[in-house]
Each structure stands twice: as structure tokens, then as C-alpha cells.
Amino acid sequence: MCVTIENLPAAAGGSDENLLRRAGRLAGWAARTGLTIGKRLPVPGLELAGEGLRQVERQVLTGLRRRLDEVDDPYVVALSAAGAEHTPNGDGELVPAREPLRAAMRELLDRSVGFGREQAREYLYATVLRQLTPDEARIVAVLATGSAFPVIDVTERGFGGGRTVLRNASTVGKAAGVTLDDEVPGYLTRLAGFGLVELDGESSELESQYEILATEDVVRSAVHSARRARLVRRTVRLSRFGVRFWAACDPGEWTRVL
């Protein structure tokens, strides 16, 4: 007997609604990643529909891992190729035939020739995704809800604005439940560098949250180490690029645990 992932029957002790919801999510994952799944999946009996769905899940996840693995660092690819090809130098010694940096650029240029818009976009998102830490992924997931969070920079008063003692302290780390809360300023700096978040001016709607943030140890320590400290209030939210990135990478219901 065969069942379709669009119309999986309920397993013993299961729910039609839950199975259909899971099947729908799997279809969405497959569509977003270009993964092809057979329209029909053989399942020996209605009571094994749950196992059939798990088979589809494993197929989807295996495909996703494979697609991420295909987005290799071009420098690593070029370095491996360069290391595999040797040529003798003037002293008769074997040396790499290609310079890794030049070969890496050639690798990227070669890939660009055959890339369509969807391939280029997927490569971009996957390259960013592979650089995120788990804590940073949690921050992106929280910001993807549409919420904005307070950010405080600690600077020194002086001609030209003075030096910045602390940049991008924020309560978004606690909201996301990050493991390394003291690294949140660095996380936000990296996320801004990836273009996933944007830092705007002060928001009057976050007044009470700015006051709470100003009492946190990382901010107070920076204030004590500065001469004539000044607190600069800003706001962090997901950027337009971050919104598109999240739409492509959204893992679904898992984010409800955040």
C-alpha cells in the first residue's frame, strides 16, 4: 500500500492533524531547498504511517545536510586541489602547482558562471548560515518574531565624540537564552557584519528596557572604566536581508521553545 506525503493517514495513537502538519512542514522544507521527494512513499499498512513520515523526515534532513556540505569554502576547495597537484621548482623540489588564493578566486568565478538566481541566493544564505554560532542563531530566531530590543554603546565624552568603550550591549541575548551572555556585544557586531541585523536610533517605546540594560554588569563595568562616560541608546532588529534569510532557513516549530 502507498501513501502520499500530502495525505498521510494517522498512526496508531497519533493524530491526523499532527501528521498532516508535519507532512506539510516537510513539504515546505523540501520546496525551499529544492529537494525532490517522491510523490508516493510505500508504507506496509495504515498503522505504520508514522514510520513512513519518519522516513520522509530522514530523507529531507539528509538532503539538507548534503546541500549544506556542497557549499564548500572555495579556499578550502582550492587549497585541496593545489595540494593535490605539484610541479618541480628550480631546485627540483615538488611544490603546489597552484597558488591557493588565486585558485580560490578562480573557483568562485567558475561557480558564478553556472549559477542562476536561486542557486546564487541559496549559496549566499548557506555561506552565512555556516558562519553562525548556536548563540547567534538563537538571537536571529528571537529577532525574527519582529521584536526590537534595546542596545547601548558606552563612549567617552570628548572632542569628536571620544572613544567607544563598549559597543552593542543588549538584552536580546537574555531573551534568546544564549549560553554566553557576556559575548552578546560581539554577537551583535558579527550579525551586523553579516547584514542580518540593523542598528537604528533610540526607541521611546523601549524606555524601561534601556534603564534595565544600563544596570547590567557589562554596561556598568564599561562605564566605570571610561572617563566621563556617555550612554548611547540604539535599537536592534532584523534587517531586510535578515528577514529573507530567515524565511529561507526557518526551521519551523522548533523556535517555539525559545
Protein backbone atom coordinates (compact mmCIF):
# COMPACT_ATOMS: atom_id res chain seq x y z
CA MET A 1 0.00 0.00 0.00
CA CYS A 2 1.22 3.51 -0.73
CA VAL A 3 0.52 6.82 0.97
CA THR A 4 1.35 10.31 -0.20
CA ILE A 5 3.12 12.84 1.99
CA GLU A 6 0.24 15.16 1.21
CA ASN A 7 -2.27 12.72 2.71
CA LEU A 8 -0.57 10.61 5.36
CA PRO A 9 -3.07 8.64 7.48
CA ALA A 10 -2.87 8.64 11.26
CA ALA A 11 -0.57 6.19 13.00
CA ALA A 12 -1.81 4.20 15.97
CA GLY A 13 -2.13 6.56 18.91
CA GLY A 14 -1.43 9.54 16.63
CA SER A 15 -3.44 12.41 15.24
CA ASP A 16 -4.46 13.10 11.64
CA GLU A 17 -3.95 16.80 12.29
CA ASN A 18 -0.44 16.35 13.73
CA LEU A 19 0.66 14.05 10.92
CA LEU A 20 -0.69 16.37 8.27
CA ARG A 21 1.00 19.34 9.93
CA ARG A 22 4.35 17.51 10.00
CA ALA A 23 3.91 16.42 6.39
CA GLY A 24 3.17 20.00 5.40
CA ARG A 25 6.32 21.25 7.11
CA LEU A 26 8.40 18.60 5.36
CA ALA A 27 6.96 19.59 2.00
CA GLY A 28 7.82 23.20 2.77
CA TRP A 29 11.40 22.33 3.73
CA ALA A 30 11.79 20.30 0.57
CA ALA A 31 10.42 23.12 -1.59
CA ARG A 32 12.66 25.76 0.00
CA THR A 33 15.79 23.66 -0.53
CA GLY A 34 14.95 22.30 -3.96
CA LEU A 35 14.96 18.75 -2.59
CA THR A 36 12.89 16.30 -4.62
CA ILE A 37 10.86 13.72 -2.73
CA GLY A 38 8.89 11.01 -4.45
CA LYS A 39 5.19 11.70 -4.54
CA ARG A 40 4.36 8.33 -3.09
CA LEU A 41 6.02 6.50 -0.22
CA PRO A 42 5.41 2.76 0.27
CA VAL A 43 4.09 2.02 3.74
CA PRO A 44 3.04 -1.57 4.67
CA GLY A 45 -0.21 -0.75 6.41
CA LEU A 46 -2.04 2.25 7.79
CA GLU A 47 -0.69 1.60 11.26
CA LEU A 48 2.86 2.33 10.01
CA ALA A 49 2.09 5.75 8.60
CA GLY A 50 4.07 7.37 11.39
CA GLU A 51 7.15 5.37 10.43
CA GLY A 52 6.60 6.35 6.82
CA LEU A 53 6.63 10.00 7.82
CA ARG A 54 9.82 9.49 9.80
CA GLN A 55 11.38 8.03 6.65
CA VAL A 56 10.45 11.20 4.78
CA GLU A 57 11.89 13.31 7.61
CA ARG A 58 15.18 11.44 7.46
CA GLN A 59 15.28 11.87 3.68
CA VAL A 60 14.65 15.61 3.94
CA LEU A 61 17.24 16.15 6.67
CA THR A 62 19.82 14.05 4.84
CA GLY A 63 19.20 16.14 1.73
CA LEU A 64 19.56 19.38 3.66
CA ARG A 65 22.86 18.24 5.19
CA ARG A 66 24.12 17.23 1.75
CA ARG A 67 23.20 20.60 0.25
CA LEU A 68 24.95 22.46 3.04
CA ASP A 69 28.02 20.27 2.64
CA GLU A 70 28.07 21.17 -1.05
CA VAL A 71 28.54 24.83 -0.17
CA ASP A 72 32.24 24.34 0.39
CA ASP A 73 34.60 27.11 1.32
CA PRO A 74 36.21 27.94 -2.04
CA TYR A 75 39.57 28.50 -0.36
CA VAL A 76 39.46 25.02 1.20
CA VAL A 77 38.48 23.53 -2.16
CA ALA A 78 41.27 25.39 -3.92
CA LEU A 79 43.78 24.53 -1.21
CA SER A 80 42.94 20.84 -1.51
CA ALA A 81 43.25 21.00 -5.28
CA ALA A 82 46.51 22.90 -5.06
CA GLY A 83 47.88 20.41 -2.58
CA ALA A 84 46.99 17.52 -4.86
CA GLU A 85 48.85 18.95 -7.85
CA HIS A 86 52.62 19.52 -7.64
CA THR A 87 55.26 20.70 -10.02
CA PRO A 88 59.05 20.83 -9.63
CA ASN A 89 60.64 24.19 -8.80
CA GLY A 90 64.08 25.41 -9.87
CA ASP A 91 65.75 23.16 -7.29
CA GLY A 92 63.86 20.10 -8.45
CA GLU A 93 61.62 20.09 -5.36
CA LEU A 94 57.90 19.43 -5.75
CA VAL A 95 55.75 22.44 -4.78
CA PRO A 96 51.99 23.09 -5.13
CA ALA A 97 51.13 23.74 -8.77
CA ARG A 98 48.62 26.49 -8.00
CA GLU A 99 48.56 29.37 -5.54
CA PRO A 100 45.58 28.74 -3.21
CA LEU A 101 44.37 32.36 -3.13
CA ARG A 102 44.32 32.69 -6.92
CA ALA A 103 42.79 29.25 -7.26
CA ALA A 104 40.09 30.14 -4.71
CA MET A 105 39.11 33.22 -6.68
CA ARG A 106 39.01 31.13 -9.86
CA GLU A 107 36.79 28.63 -8.05
CA LEU A 108 34.28 31.37 -7.16
CA LEU A 109 34.34 32.86 -10.65
CA ASP A 110 33.82 29.43 -12.21
CA ARG A 111 30.83 28.82 -9.96
CA SER A 112 29.31 32.18 -10.83
CA VAL A 113 29.10 31.24 -14.50
CA GLY A 114 26.60 28.44 -13.98
CA PHE A 115 24.62 29.93 -11.08
CA GLY A 116 21.04 31.07 -11.56
CA ARG A 117 19.34 33.46 -9.13
CA GLU A 118 18.05 30.71 -6.86
CA GLN A 119 21.40 28.93 -6.72
CA ALA A 120 23.23 32.18 -6.00
CA ARG A 121 20.76 33.08 -3.25
CA GLU A 122 20.98 29.62 -1.65
CA TYR A 123 24.79 29.74 -1.75
CA LEU A 124 24.73 33.17 -0.09
CA TYR A 125 22.37 32.07 2.68
CA ALA A 126 24.21 28.80 3.27
CA THR A 127 27.57 30.60 3.47
CA VAL A 128 26.19 32.96 6.14
CA LEU A 129 24.48 30.10 7.98
CA ARG A 130 27.69 28.09 8.24
CA GLN A 131 29.39 31.02 9.99
CA LEU A 132 26.78 31.48 12.73
CA THR A 133 27.35 30.23 16.25
CA PRO A 134 24.44 28.50 18.06
CA ASP A 135 24.01 31.57 20.29
CA GLU A 136 23.83 33.84 17.24
CA ALA A 137 21.22 31.56 15.66
CA ARG A 138 19.08 31.97 18.78
CA ILE A 139 19.36 35.75 18.57
CA VAL A 140 18.30 35.71 14.92
CA ALA A 141 15.35 33.46 15.79
CA VAL A 142 14.15 35.87 18.51
CA LEU A 143 14.51 38.91 16.26
CA ALA A 144 12.61 37.03 13.54
CA THR A 145 9.47 37.40 15.67
CA GLY A 146 9.53 41.07 14.68
CA SER A 147 10.56 42.34 18.10
CA ALA A 148 13.08 45.14 18.59
CA PHE A 149 15.49 45.22 21.53
CA PRO A 150 17.48 47.96 23.23
CA VAL A 151 21.17 48.44 22.53
CA ILE A 152 23.60 50.61 24.49
CA ASP A 153 27.05 51.82 23.50
CA VAL A 154 29.34 53.27 26.17
CA THR A 155 31.54 56.08 24.87
CA GLU A 156 33.81 58.69 26.45
CA ARG A 157 32.83 62.33 26.23
CA GLY A 158 35.34 64.43 24.40
CA PHE A 159 36.23 66.22 21.20
CA GLY A 160 35.00 64.28 18.19
CA GLY A 161 32.80 62.03 20.31
CA GLY A 162 35.56 60.23 22.19
CA ARG A 163 36.42 56.56 22.01
CA THR A 164 33.87 53.75 22.26
CA VAL A 165 34.46 51.62 25.37
CA LEU A 166 31.59 49.16 24.76
CA ARG A 167 29.59 48.58 21.60
CA ASN A 168 26.27 46.75 21.16
CA ALA A 169 25.35 45.69 24.68
CA SER A 170 21.76 44.42 24.55
CA THR A 171 19.08 42.46 26.39
CA VAL A 172 18.35 40.40 23.27
CA GLY A 173 20.82 37.76 24.46
CA LYS A 174 18.84 37.03 27.61
CA ALA A 175 15.59 36.98 25.66
CA ALA A 176 17.14 34.42 23.31
CA GLY A 177 18.57 32.34 26.14
CA VAL A 178 22.13 32.41 24.85
CA THR A 179 24.79 30.41 26.67
CA LEU A 180 27.47 33.13 26.64
CA ASP A 181 25.57 36.22 27.73
CA ASP A 182 28.76 38.28 28.09
CA GLU A 183 29.51 37.72 24.39
CA VAL A 184 26.26 39.36 23.17
CA PRO A 185 28.03 42.63 22.14
CA GLY A 186 30.34 40.61 19.92
CA TYR A 187 27.47 38.51 18.58
CA LEU A 188 25.54 41.61 17.51
CA THR A 189 28.65 43.10 15.91
CA ARG A 190 29.10 39.92 13.87
CA LEU A 191 25.42 39.70 12.93
CA ALA A 192 25.52 43.32 11.77
CA GLY A 193 28.62 42.47 9.73
CA PHE A 194 26.72 39.63 8.05
CA GLY A 195 23.92 42.08 7.28
CA LEU A 196 21.37 40.09 9.30
CA VAL A 197 20.53 42.84 11.79
CA GLU A 198 20.31 46.60 11.64
CA LEU A 199 21.06 49.05 14.42
CA ASP A 200 18.78 52.09 14.49
CA GLY A 201 18.39 55.06 16.78
CA GLU A 202 16.80 55.14 20.21
CA SER A 203 13.18 53.98 20.54
CA SER A 204 10.94 55.73 23.07
CA GLU A 205 8.89 52.54 23.33
CA LEU A 206 11.86 50.77 24.94
CA GLU A 207 12.50 53.35 27.69
CA SER A 208 12.12 50.94 30.60
CA GLN A 209 14.27 48.33 28.84
CA TYR A 210 17.09 50.85 28.34
CA GLU A 211 17.04 51.54 32.07
CA ILE A 212 17.25 47.82 32.86
CA LEU A 213 20.08 47.34 30.36
CA ALA A 214 22.06 50.22 31.90
CA THR A 215 22.16 48.33 35.21
CA GLU A 216 23.69 45.16 33.75
CA ASP A 217 27.25 44.26 34.72
CA VAL A 218 28.74 44.56 31.23
CA VAL A 219 27.45 48.14 30.88
CA ARG A 220 28.32 49.21 34.43
CA SER A 221 31.84 47.83 34.05
CA ALA A 222 32.33 49.79 30.84
CA VAL A 223 31.01 52.96 32.48
CA HIS A 224 33.46 52.60 35.39
CA SER A 225 36.39 52.11 33.01
CA ALA A 226 35.56 55.17 30.92
CA ARG A 227 36.39 58.79 31.56
CA ARG A 228 33.23 60.88 31.56
CA ALA A 229 31.14 58.01 30.22
CA ARG A 230 28.19 58.63 27.96
CA LEU A 231 25.48 56.06 27.16
CA VAL A 232 24.33 56.00 23.55
CA ARG A 233 20.97 54.30 23.10
CA ARG A 234 20.14 52.40 19.96
CA THR A 235 17.78 49.64 18.79
CA VAL A 236 18.42 46.29 17.12
CA ARG A 237 16.04 44.47 14.81
CA LEU A 238 16.25 42.05 11.93
CA SER A 239 17.34 43.68 8.65
CA ARG A 240 15.54 43.23 5.34
CA PHE A 241 18.26 40.78 4.34
CA GLY A 242 17.80 39.05 7.70
CA VAL A 243 14.08 38.68 7.04
CA ARG A 244 14.74 36.99 3.69
CA PHE A 245 17.47 34.85 5.24
CA TRP A 246 15.11 33.70 7.99
CA ALA A 247 12.32 32.92 5.52
CA ALA A 248 14.72 30.56 3.72
CA CYS A 249 16.17 28.98 6.88
CA ASP A 250 13.21 28.99 9.30
CA PRO A 251 13.21 25.53 10.98
CA GLY A 252 9.52 25.80 11.85
CA GLU A 253 8.00 24.82 15.17
CA TRP A 254 11.37 24.39 16.93
CA THR A 255 11.53 28.12 17.56
CA ARG A 256 8.52 27.88 19.88
CA VAL A 257 10.84 26.61 22.61
CA LEU A 258 12.75 29.90 22.65
